[in-house]
């Protein structure tokens, strides 16, 4: 048996009630704790990680192909291929790379003039 058809007028009313697309961006409200707060960043991290795991579980071949092309483009041939082989732990690998770069900048900094900041 076919599912019941919903009148188009009903769908139009529902679409107007829930903003989506560009209008959703215009009507965005700041989170309760504010933009870029710890709670906001943890919720963003949770959403991105959940979407990554969902894609890994439901479309593993497409995700692997996309990851291989992306990683080879941005991290080079050998490193990008190695990161793709470590696809299930890629978020942790990228976080470790970012933290390593920050640690390197912190350890290697000098108290003198820094051309990046013009001081």
Protein backbone atom coordinates (compact mmCIF):
# COMPACT_ATOMS: atom_id res chain seq x y z
CA UNK A 1 0.00 0.00 0.00
CA UNK A 2 1.27 3.44 -0.89
CA UNK A 3 1.75 5.98 1.91
CA UNK A 4 -0.93 8.69 2.15
CA UNK A 5 -0.21 11.78 0.05
CA UNK A 6 0.25 15.04 1.92
CA UNK A 7 -1.33 18.10 0.28
CA UNK A 8 1.21 20.58 -1.10
CA UNK A 9 -0.45 23.41 0.83
CA UNK A 10 0.32 21.59 4.08
CA UNK A 11 3.98 21.20 3.07
CA UNK A 12 4.24 24.87 2.15
CA UNK A 13 2.90 25.90 5.57
CA UNK A 14 5.37 23.57 7.29
CA UNK A 15 8.28 24.94 5.24
CA UNK A 16 7.42 28.52 6.16
CA UNK A 17 7.21 27.63 9.85
CA UNK A 18 10.77 26.26 10.01
CA UNK A 19 13.49 28.53 8.62
CA UNK A 20 16.05 26.77 6.46
CA UNK A 21 18.78 27.78 4.04
CA UNK A 22 19.84 31.40 4.05
CA UNK A 23 16.88 32.49 6.21
CA UNK A 24 18.00 30.07 8.93
CA UNK A 25 21.38 31.80 8.97
CA UNK A 26 19.74 35.22 9.30
CA UNK A 27 17.55 34.06 12.18
CA UNK A 28 20.31 32.21 14.08
CA UNK A 29 20.29 32.88 17.79
CA UNK A 30 23.47 32.72 19.86
CA UNK A 31 23.85 29.67 22.10
CA UNK A 32 22.94 30.06 25.76
CA UNK A 33 26.60 30.25 26.82
CA UNK A 34 27.59 32.49 23.87
CA UNK A 35 29.48 31.96 20.65
CA UNK A 36 32.80 30.09 20.92
CA UNK A 37 32.26 29.21 24.57
CA UNK A 38 33.40 25.83 25.83
CA UNK A 39 29.87 24.45 25.59
CA UNK A 40 29.47 25.82 22.04
CA UNK A 41 32.77 24.33 20.89
CA UNK A 42 32.03 20.96 22.52
CA UNK A 43 28.64 20.83 20.80
CA UNK A 44 30.28 21.63 17.45
CA UNK A 45 32.89 18.95 18.06
CA UNK A 46 30.19 16.43 18.99
CA UNK A 47 28.16 17.21 15.87
CA UNK A 48 31.18 16.95 13.56
CA UNK A 49 32.35 13.71 15.18
CA UNK A 50 28.85 12.22 15.06
CA UNK A 51 28.50 13.11 11.36
CA UNK A 52 31.94 11.64 10.63
CA UNK A 53 31.01 8.38 12.39
CA UNK A 54 27.63 8.29 10.62
CA UNK A 55 29.29 8.71 7.21
CA UNK A 56 31.92 6.11 8.11
CA UNK A 57 29.18 3.64 9.07
CA UNK A 58 26.74 4.29 6.22
CA UNK A 59 28.95 5.20 3.23
CA UNK A 60 32.46 3.92 3.96
CA UNK A 61 33.64 3.70 0.33
CA UNK A 62 32.53 7.22 -0.59
CA UNK A 63 34.04 8.62 2.59
CA UNK A 64 37.31 6.75 1.99
CA UNK A 65 37.52 8.04 -1.59
CA UNK A 66 36.77 11.61 -0.50
CA UNK A 67 39.26 11.37 2.37
CA UNK A 68 41.99 10.00 0.09
CA UNK A 69 41.56 12.84 -2.40
CA UNK A 70 41.33 15.49 0.33
CA UNK A 71 44.28 14.18 2.35
CA UNK A 72 46.52 13.78 -0.71
CA UNK A 73 45.69 17.33 -1.78
CA UNK A 74 46.34 19.01 1.58
CA UNK A 75 48.92 16.72 3.23
CA UNK A 76 50.86 15.36 0.25
CA UNK A 77 51.00 11.95 -1.41
CA UNK A 78 52.55 9.69 1.23
CA UNK A 79 51.22 11.45 4.33
CA UNK A 80 47.74 11.83 2.80
CA UNK A 81 47.59 8.14 1.89
CA UNK A 82 48.76 7.16 5.38
CA UNK A 83 46.10 9.38 6.97
CA UNK A 84 43.44 7.80 4.77
CA UNK A 85 44.50 4.34 5.90
CA UNK A 86 43.99 5.60 9.46
CA UNK A 87 40.51 6.89 8.54
CA UNK A 88 38.72 5.79 11.74
CA UNK A 89 41.17 7.81 13.86
CA UNK A 90 41.54 10.76 11.46
CA UNK A 91 39.87 13.31 13.80
CA UNK A 92 42.37 12.40 16.54
CA UNK A 93 45.28 12.56 14.05
CA UNK A 94 44.23 16.03 12.85
CA UNK A 95 43.85 17.23 16.45
CA UNK A 96 47.31 15.87 17.29
CA UNK A 97 48.81 17.68 14.28
CA UNK A 98 47.18 20.97 15.32
CA UNK A 99 48.25 20.60 18.95
CA UNK A 100 51.77 19.66 17.84
CA UNK A 101 52.03 22.81 15.74
CA UNK A 102 50.81 24.93 18.65
CA UNK A 103 53.29 23.27 21.00
CA UNK A 104 56.10 23.82 18.50
CA UNK A 105 55.20 27.52 18.22
CA UNK A 106 55.10 27.81 22.01
CA UNK A 107 58.43 26.05 22.54
CA UNK A 108 60.28 27.68 19.63
CA UNK A 109 59.11 31.23 20.25
CA UNK A 110 61.58 33.97 20.96
CA UNK A 111 61.06 37.04 23.08
CA UNK A 112 62.27 39.31 20.27
CA UNK A 113 60.62 40.74 17.20
CA UNK A 114 58.13 38.53 15.42
CA UNK A 115 57.47 39.44 11.75
CA UNK A 116 54.02 37.75 11.82
CA UNK A 117 52.69 40.17 14.43
CA UNK A 118 54.76 43.26 13.61
CA UNK A 119 55.96 43.74 17.17
